[in-house]
Amino acid sequence: MPQGLDRLRAPARGAGVLVAIPIAWIVLVCVVDVLAPSHIHLGPLLVAAPAITPSFGGPRTVGLVAALAVVAQTVIGVLRDPGELLSANHQAQILALVLVGASLVVFCVLRERRAKELEQVRYVSEAAQRVVLPPLPSRLGPLRTASLYLAAEAEAQIGGDLYAAARTASGTRLIVGDVRGKGMAAVSDAALLLGAFRVAAHRQAGLEELVAHLDRSVCWDPEPGGAGPYDETFITATVLEIPDRDGRVRMVSCGHPPPVVLREGRPRTMTAARPAPPLGLGQLTDPHYHVEGFPFEPGDLLLLYTDGVTEARDPDGTFYPLTERITGWTGSDCDAFVSRLRRDLLRHVGGRLDDDAVMIAICKQDRVTTTRRLRVTGR
């Protein structure tokens, strides 16, 4: 059974305890009304019992409580004065309880149906994310990685942000990017680019050729109903190559936020001196992809991210100061770093992002540690 549907049934486990509250209320109103003077009538208060039950119970629980309320109203009429049971006022109260109870049961049925549909959509979304955008492996040769995708919409687990990695004979190639736009069109464009990267990362010898191939793979057709030449699809991206036996990363930046290298608690932003235009605009500009490099030594942590991180705002409108916030952070545990960054980012924005965000932490082990581990595992 999908985990989402299982979570839907979780509240029902506590309903058996909470249902005692409306039942106790019915008993209390019934006893007090029977013992109260003849001019005091508390029967209308019985409607509170079925009214609060939908907050924790389903249609059956609500129907049971509503039926008990009707029975209690009938018992009150019989015990106070059998003739009162036939009065128009008492019958009107019983009819009102019946109508309220029936309405609440219908409401609960529709609510559960909607909740099941929503959970099914969420389950499909999670499955699509696992297929299109699975988490990076925790190990890529001598590299240790951790990745996290934060969706701005709670019901959407995937959007236009993307990332992928591929092992080659000499190292690891990675891409992180952000598709212009939102919705299913952005997801489709992201899936297209990721597929092209996973195929070409092993075939293209040079990083320049790889990025040129990715640029050609991006659909440039105008969107339906587009108003002009600026309606094309484009994707900001950074493509990197991290050699296994070299301490220098090669990078092509296509209009994407620059990587950050954290060394001994001091972050350094690796801004490209000659960035290329976003992928998909190469047909307009005919760019020359310039490969740049920066040092990445054992003990360093390389952070890749999308603009959903740096453009996240707090309630006062202040952008998230990424390098300032991670200054002083130490350690080579990528998972712990990403978890800490996630908590800090969500604390900055007050718990909810306005845009999707991707964060990837990459740590490089020294050669001695890697060699020893390979000998122990026999790989």
Protein backbone atom coordinates (compact mmCIF):
# COMPACT_ATOMS: atom_id res chain seq x y z
CA MET A 1 0.00 0.00 0.00
CA PRO A 2 1.37 3.48 -0.81
CA GLN A 3 2.85 5.24 2.18
CA GLY A 4 0.66 8.28 1.57
CA LEU A 5 -2.51 6.22 1.85
CA ASP A 6 -1.15 4.60 4.97
CA ARG A 7 -0.63 8.04 6.49
CA LEU A 8 -4.24 8.86 5.65
CA ARG A 9 -5.42 6.04 7.91
CA ALA A 10 -3.10 6.98 10.76
CA PRO A 11 -5.48 9.51 12.42
CA ALA A 12 -8.18 6.83 12.62
CA ARG A 13 -6.09 4.91 15.16
CA GLY A 14 -6.60 7.67 17.75
CA ALA A 15 -10.29 8.17 16.98
CA GLY A 16 -11.26 5.36 19.37
CA VAL A 17 -9.95 7.43 22.28
CA LEU A 18 -11.20 10.83 21.11
CA VAL A 19 -14.71 9.55 20.38
CA ALA A 20 -15.18 9.32 24.14
CA ILE A 21 -15.34 13.13 24.26
CA PRO A 22 -18.58 13.62 22.26
CA ILE A 23 -20.11 10.53 23.88
CA ALA A 24 -19.35 11.93 27.34
CA TRP A 25 -20.86 15.25 26.24
CA ILE A 26 -24.06 13.51 25.13
CA VAL A 27 -24.33 11.67 28.46
CA LEU A 28 -23.67 14.88 30.42
CA VAL A 29 -26.27 16.91 28.51
CA CYS A 30 -28.79 14.10 28.79
CA VAL A 31 -28.37 13.72 32.57
CA VAL A 32 -28.40 17.46 33.30
CA ASP A 33 -31.40 18.08 31.06
CA VAL A 34 -33.42 15.30 32.73
CA LEU A 35 -32.60 16.59 36.22
CA ALA A 36 -33.02 20.29 35.38
CA PRO A 37 -36.25 22.22 36.07
CA SER A 38 -38.98 21.90 33.47
CA HIS A 39 -38.38 25.38 32.06
CA ILE A 40 -34.73 24.62 31.24
CA HIS A 41 -34.00 22.72 28.01
CA LEU A 42 -30.42 21.72 27.16
CA GLY A 43 -31.31 19.35 24.32
CA PRO A 44 -30.11 21.77 21.56
CA LEU A 45 -26.59 21.46 23.00
CA LEU A 46 -26.48 17.86 21.78
CA VAL A 47 -25.64 19.11 18.28
CA ALA A 48 -22.15 19.98 19.53
CA ALA A 49 -21.27 16.28 19.78
CA PRO A 50 -21.58 15.37 16.08
CA ALA A 51 -20.25 18.81 15.13
CA ILE A 52 -16.83 18.22 16.71
CA THR A 53 -16.50 14.58 15.67
CA PRO A 54 -15.34 15.25 12.04
CA SER A 55 -12.17 16.83 13.47
CA PHE A 56 -10.87 13.36 14.33
CA GLY A 57 -13.32 10.78 12.98
CA GLY A 58 -14.58 9.48 9.68
CA PRO A 59 -18.11 9.04 8.31
CA ARG A 60 -18.89 5.97 10.45
CA THR A 61 -17.78 7.63 13.67
CA VAL A 62 -19.72 10.79 12.85
CA GLY A 63 -22.82 8.75 11.97
CA LEU A 64 -22.55 6.81 15.26
CA VAL A 65 -22.25 9.97 17.37
CA ALA A 66 -25.10 11.64 15.49
CA ALA A 67 -27.31 8.59 16.05
CA LEU A 68 -26.47 8.62 19.77
CA ALA A 69 -27.40 12.30 19.92
CA VAL A 70 -30.79 11.55 18.33
CA VAL A 71 -31.36 8.70 20.79
CA ALA A 72 -30.38 10.96 23.69
CA GLN A 73 -32.82 13.65 22.53
CA THR A 74 -35.56 11.02 22.38
CA VAL A 75 -34.68 9.70 25.86
CA ILE A 76 -34.80 13.23 27.27
CA GLY A 77 -38.31 13.68 25.91
CA VAL A 78 -39.51 10.36 27.35
CA LEU A 79 -38.00 10.87 30.81
CA ARG A 80 -39.01 14.51 31.24
CA ASP A 81 -42.56 14.13 29.95
CA PRO A 82 -43.79 11.44 27.55
CA GLY A 83 -46.20 13.96 26.07
CA GLU A 84 -43.35 16.31 25.29
CA LEU A 85 -41.91 13.76 22.88
CA LEU A 86 -44.83 14.40 20.55
CA SER A 87 -44.57 18.18 20.78
CA ALA A 88 -43.62 20.12 17.66
CA ASN A 89 -40.62 21.68 19.43
CA HIS A 90 -39.14 18.35 20.46
CA GLN A 91 -39.71 16.76 17.08
CA ALA A 92 -38.08 19.81 15.44
CA GLN A 93 -35.00 19.30 17.62
CA ILE A 94 -34.80 15.62 16.66
CA LEU A 95 -35.20 16.47 12.98
CA ALA A 96 -32.48 19.11 13.25
CA LEU A 97 -30.10 16.56 14.78
CA VAL A 98 -30.87 14.11 11.98
CA LEU A 99 -30.23 16.73 9.28
CA VAL A 100 -27.02 17.97 10.91
CA GLY A 101 -25.75 14.42 11.38
CA ALA A 102 -26.53 13.45 7.79
CA SER A 103 -24.84 16.59 6.47
CA LEU A 104 -21.73 15.90 8.51
CA VAL A 105 -21.58 12.30 7.28
CA VAL A 106 -21.77 13.50 3.66
CA PHE A 107 -19.07 16.08 4.40
CA CYS A 108 -16.78 13.40 5.84
CA VAL A 109 -17.32 11.11 2.86
CA LEU A 110 -16.39 13.90 0.42
CA ARG A 111 -13.45 14.93 2.58
CA GLU A 112 -12.04 11.39 2.69
CA ARG A 113 -12.51 10.98 -1.05
CA ARG A 114 -10.64 14.23 -1.68
CA ALA A 115 -7.90 13.26 0.79
CA LYS A 116 -7.42 9.88 -0.92
CA GLU A 117 -7.15 11.56 -4.31
CA LEU A 118 -4.63 14.04 -2.94
CA GLU A 119 -2.55 11.31 -1.35
CA GLN A 120 -2.60 9.32 -4.57
CA VAL A 121 -1.39 12.37 -6.50
CA ARG A 122 1.36 12.86 -3.92
CA TYR A 123 2.35 9.21 -4.23
CA VAL A 124 2.57 9.49 -8.02
CA SER A 125 4.60 12.69 -7.64
CA GLU A 126 7.03 10.97 -5.28
CA ALA A 127 7.34 8.04 -7.68
CA ALA A 128 8.01 10.42 -10.57
CA GLN A 129 10.71 12.15 -8.55
CA ARG A 130 12.41 8.85 -7.77
CA VAL A 131 12.46 8.02 -11.49
CA VAL A 132 13.32 11.44 -12.96
CA LEU A 133 15.39 12.87 -10.12
CA PRO A 134 16.70 10.16 -7.79
CA PRO A 135 19.05 11.15 -4.96
CA LEU A 136 22.72 11.04 -5.84
CA PRO A 137 24.62 7.95 -4.70
CA SER A 138 26.34 8.48 -1.37
CA ARG A 139 29.61 7.45 -3.01
CA LEU A 140 31.00 8.42 -6.41
CA GLY A 141 34.52 7.04 -6.57
CA PRO A 142 36.60 9.05 -4.09
CA LEU A 143 33.72 11.48 -3.58
CA ARG A 144 31.07 11.43 -0.88
CA THR A 145 27.83 13.15 -1.79
CA ALA A 146 24.49 14.18 -0.32
CA SER A 147 21.64 15.76 -2.24
CA LEU A 148 18.33 17.32 -1.28
CA TYR A 149 15.40 18.65 -3.28
CA LEU A 150 13.08 21.07 -1.46
CA ALA A 151 9.81 21.69 -3.28
CA ALA A 152 8.13 25.05 -2.74
CA GLU A 153 4.69 23.45 -3.07
CA ALA A 154 3.91 20.87 -0.41
CA GLU A 155 1.95 18.72 -2.87
CA ALA A 156 4.57 18.85 -5.62
CA GLN A 157 7.68 16.78 -4.98
CA ILE A 158 9.38 17.70 -8.24
CA GLY A 159 9.68 20.80 -10.36
CA GLY A 160 12.11 22.52 -12.71
CA ASP A 161 15.29 22.15 -10.65
CA LEU A 162 17.54 19.29 -11.68
CA TYR A 163 20.79 17.52 -10.92
CA ALA A 164 22.61 14.34 -11.97
CA ALA A 165 25.99 12.68 -11.81
CA ALA A 166 27.81 10.19 -14.00
CA ARG A 167 31.00 8.24 -13.44
CA THR A 168 33.56 8.17 -16.24
CA ALA A 169 36.88 6.38 -16.65
CA SER A 170 38.78 9.30 -15.15
CA GLY A 171 36.39 10.93 -12.73
CA THR A 172 32.88 12.19 -12.07
CA ARG A 173 30.74 14.56 -14.08
CA LEU A 174 27.88 16.47 -12.52
CA ILE A 175 25.19 18.87 -13.60
CA VAL A 176 22.93 21.12 -11.54
CA GLY A 177 20.39 23.36 -13.21
CA ASP A 178 17.12 25.24 -13.12
CA VAL A 179 14.52 25.28 -15.88
CA ARG A 180 12.81 28.53 -16.73
CA GLY A 181 9.15 28.33 -15.79
CA LYS A 182 7.09 26.00 -13.63
CA GLY A 183 4.59 23.18 -13.91
CA MET A 184 4.68 20.07 -16.05
CA ALA A 185 6.45 21.86 -18.90
CA ALA A 186 9.41 22.54 -16.59
CA VAL A 187 9.40 18.93 -15.39
CA SER A 188 9.40 17.71 -19.00
CA ASP A 189 12.32 19.98 -19.93
CA ALA A 190 14.25 18.88 -16.85
CA ALA A 191 13.70 15.20 -17.69
CA LEU A 192 14.83 15.83 -21.28
CA LEU A 193 18.07 17.48 -20.20
CA LEU A 194 18.81 14.85 -17.54
CA GLY A 195 18.35 12.08 -20.09
CA ALA A 196 20.68 13.81 -22.51
CA PHE A 197 23.30 14.30 -19.79
CA ARG A 198 23.20 10.68 -18.61
CA VAL A 199 23.75 9.46 -22.16
CA ALA A 200 26.32 12.01 -23.33
CA ALA A 201 28.39 12.26 -20.14
CA HIS A 202 30.04 8.94 -21.05
CA ARG A 203 30.40 9.66 -24.76
CA GLN A 204 31.63 13.23 -25.05
CA ALA A 205 35.37 13.41 -24.51
CA GLY A 206 35.59 17.08 -23.63
CA LEU A 207 33.51 19.18 -21.26
CA GLU A 208 32.99 21.76 -24.03
CA GLU A 209 31.52 19.13 -26.35
CA LEU A 210 29.30 17.80 -23.59
CA VAL A 211 27.83 21.24 -22.83
CA ALA A 212 27.34 21.96 -26.54
CA HIS A 213 25.45 18.66 -26.87
CA LEU A 214 23.27 19.55 -23.88
CA ASP A 215 22.51 22.95 -25.38
CA ARG A 216 21.30 21.31 -28.59
CA SER A 217 19.16 18.84 -26.65
CA VAL A 218 17.09 21.54 -25.00
CA CYS A 219 13.83 22.18 -26.84
CA TRP A 220 13.82 25.68 -28.30
CA ASP A 221 10.31 25.62 -29.78
CA PRO A 222 8.17 28.55 -28.61
CA GLU A 223 5.59 27.73 -25.99
CA PRO A 224 1.95 27.43 -27.12
CA GLY A 225 0.44 30.87 -27.29
CA GLY A 226 3.83 32.53 -26.95
CA ALA A 227 3.96 36.18 -27.76
CA GLY A 228 7.37 36.43 -29.32
CA PRO A 229 10.97 35.27 -29.60
CA TYR A 230 11.52 35.51 -25.84
CA ASP A 231 9.16 32.64 -25.09
CA GLU A 232 11.82 30.00 -25.71
CA THR A 233 12.83 27.39 -23.17
CA PHE A 234 16.18 27.80 -21.46
CA ILE A 235 17.92 26.21 -18.53
CA THR A 236 20.59 27.71 -16.34
CA ALA A 237 23.15 25.06 -15.45
CA THR A 238 26.62 24.35 -14.17
CA VAL A 239 28.43 21.32 -15.56
CA LEU A 240 31.46 20.05 -13.65
CA GLU A 241 34.11 17.41 -14.04
CA ILE A 242 35.93 16.22 -10.91
CA PRO A 243 38.94 14.03 -11.77
CA ASP A 244 39.79 11.16 -9.43
CA ARG A 245 43.54 11.89 -9.49
CA ASP A 246 43.67 15.64 -9.77
CA GLY A 247 42.94 18.37 -7.27
CA ARG A 248 41.34 20.72 -9.75
CA VAL A 249 37.69 20.80 -10.82
CA ARG A 250 36.83 21.73 -14.41
CA MET A 251 33.62 23.72 -14.85
CA VAL A 252 31.42 25.31 -17.49
CA SER A 253 28.90 27.80 -16.12
CA CYS A 254 25.77 28.52 -18.12
CA GLY A 255 24.19 31.37 -16.20
CA HIS A 256 23.82 29.36 -12.98
CA PRO A 257 24.70 30.39 -9.41
CA PRO A 258 28.40 29.62 -8.77
CA PRO A 259 29.60 26.69 -6.66
CA VAL A 260 31.01 27.28 -3.19
CA VAL A 261 34.07 25.51 -1.80
CA LEU A 262 34.24 25.31 1.97
CA ARG A 263 37.76 24.81 3.29
CA GLU A 264 38.41 24.75 7.04
CA GLY A 265 35.22 26.70 7.67
CA ARG A 266 36.00 29.42 5.10
CA PRO A 267 33.69 29.51 2.04
CA ARG A 268 34.93 30.63 -1.34
CA THR A 269 32.58 31.36 -4.24
CA MET A 270 33.86 29.99 -7.56
CA THR A 271 32.45 32.63 -9.90
CA ALA A 272 33.04 31.94 -13.59
CA ALA A 273 35.11 34.59 -15.35
CA ARG A 274 33.56 33.80 -18.74
CA PRO A 275 30.09 32.28 -18.23
CA ALA A 276 28.13 30.94 -21.17
CA PRO A 277 24.45 31.71 -21.81
CA PRO A 278 21.83 29.34 -20.40
CA LEU A 279 21.33 26.04 -22.21
CA GLY A 280 18.82 26.39 -25.02
CA LEU A 281 20.00 29.84 -26.10
CA GLY A 282 23.07 28.61 -27.96
CA GLN A 283 21.21 28.79 -31.27
CA LEU A 284 20.82 32.53 -30.71
CA THR A 285 24.32 33.37 -29.49
CA ASP A 286 26.57 30.62 -30.91
CA PRO A 287 28.64 30.60 -27.71
CA HIS A 288 32.14 29.34 -27.12
CA TYR A 289 32.09 27.28 -23.97
CA HIS A 290 35.02 28.26 -21.80
CA VAL A 291 36.19 25.63 -19.32
CA GLU A 292 37.38 27.09 -16.04
CA GLY A 293 38.92 25.41 -13.04
CA PHE A 294 39.30 25.74 -9.31
CA PRO A 295 41.08 23.71 -6.61
CA PHE A 296 39.23 21.00 -4.71
CA GLU A 297 41.42 19.12 -2.25
CA PRO A 298 40.75 16.31 0.23
CA GLY A 299 38.99 17.76 3.25
CA ASP A 300 37.17 20.41 1.18
CA LEU A 301 33.41 20.49 0.75
CA LEU A 302 31.94 21.53 -2.58
CA LEU A 303 28.41 22.96 -2.47
CA LEU A 304 26.19 23.08 -5.54
CA TYR A 305 22.75 24.67 -5.37
CA THR A 306 19.99 26.43 -7.30
CA ASP A 307 18.75 29.99 -6.91
CA GLY A 308 15.95 28.77 -4.68
CA VAL A 309 18.58 28.80 -1.92
CA THR A 310 20.21 32.20 -2.45
CA GLU A 311 16.95 33.94 -3.40
CA ALA A 312 15.01 32.64 -0.41
CA ARG A 313 13.72 35.60 1.61
CA ASP A 314 12.90 36.04 5.24
CA PRO A 315 9.67 37.83 6.32
CA ASP A 316 11.49 41.17 5.96
CA GLY A 317 12.51 40.41 2.37
CA THR A 318 16.19 39.75 3.06
CA PHE A 319 17.85 37.16 0.81
CA TYR A 320 19.48 34.13 2.40
CA PRO A 321 23.19 35.01 2.83
CA LEU A 322 24.60 31.60 1.94
CA THR A 323 28.34 32.16 2.34
CA GLU A 324 27.83 34.21 5.49
CA ARG A 325 25.67 31.54 7.12
CA ILE A 326 27.98 28.61 6.37
CA THR A 327 31.14 30.42 7.48
CA GLY A 328 32.68 28.45 10.29
CA TRP A 329 30.92 25.20 9.44
CA THR A 330 33.39 22.34 9.52
CA GLY A 331 33.32 18.60 9.04
CA SER A 332 33.39 16.21 6.10
CA ASP A 333 29.97 14.60 6.63
CA CYS A 334 27.95 15.60 3.56
CA ASP A 335 24.63 14.36 4.96
CA ALA A 336 25.08 16.32 8.17
CA PHE A 337 26.03 19.44 6.20
CA VAL A 338 22.96 19.25 3.94
CA SER A 339 20.66 18.62 6.90
CA ARG A 340 22.09 21.60 8.75
CA LEU A 341 21.80 23.81 5.68
CA ARG A 342 18.19 22.74 5.19
CA ARG A 343 17.27 23.59 8.78
CA ASP A 344 19.02 26.94 8.59
CA LEU A 345 17.40 27.83 5.27
CA LEU A 346 13.88 26.95 6.43
CA ARG A 347 14.48 28.85 9.68
CA HIS A 348 15.48 31.90 7.61
CA VAL A 349 12.30 31.86 5.50
CA GLY A 350 9.98 30.98 8.34
CA GLY A 351 9.35 27.38 7.30
CA ARG A 352 8.22 27.72 3.68
CA LEU A 353 10.09 28.40 0.45
CA ASP A 354 8.75 30.48 -2.43
CA ASP A 355 10.75 28.54 -5.02
CA ASP A 356 12.13 25.03 -5.40
CA ALA A 357 15.65 24.55 -4.09
CA VAL A 358 18.37 21.98 -4.66
CA MET A 359 21.47 21.60 -2.51
CA ILE A 360 24.29 19.12 -3.16
CA ALA A 361 27.29 18.64 -0.89
CA ILE A 362 30.40 16.85 -2.22
CA CYS A 363 33.34 15.83 -0.06
CA LYS A 364 36.59 14.45 -1.36
CA GLN A 365 38.50 11.78 0.51
CA ASP A 366 42.26 11.58 0.46
CA ARG A 367 43.87 8.91 -1.72
CA VAL A 368 45.14 6.84 1.20
CA THR A 369 41.68 6.46 2.73
CA THR A 370 40.15 5.64 -0.64
CA THR A 371 42.82 3.03 -1.45
CA ARG A 372 42.41 1.32 1.89
CA ARG A 373 38.66 1.16 1.53
CA LEU A 374 38.89 -0.26 -1.97
CA ARG A 375 41.26 -2.99 -0.72
CA VAL A 376 38.92 -3.89 2.14
CA THR A 377 35.86 -4.10 -0.08
CA GLY A 378 37.75 -5.79 -2.90
CA ARG A 379 36.70 -3.19 -5.46
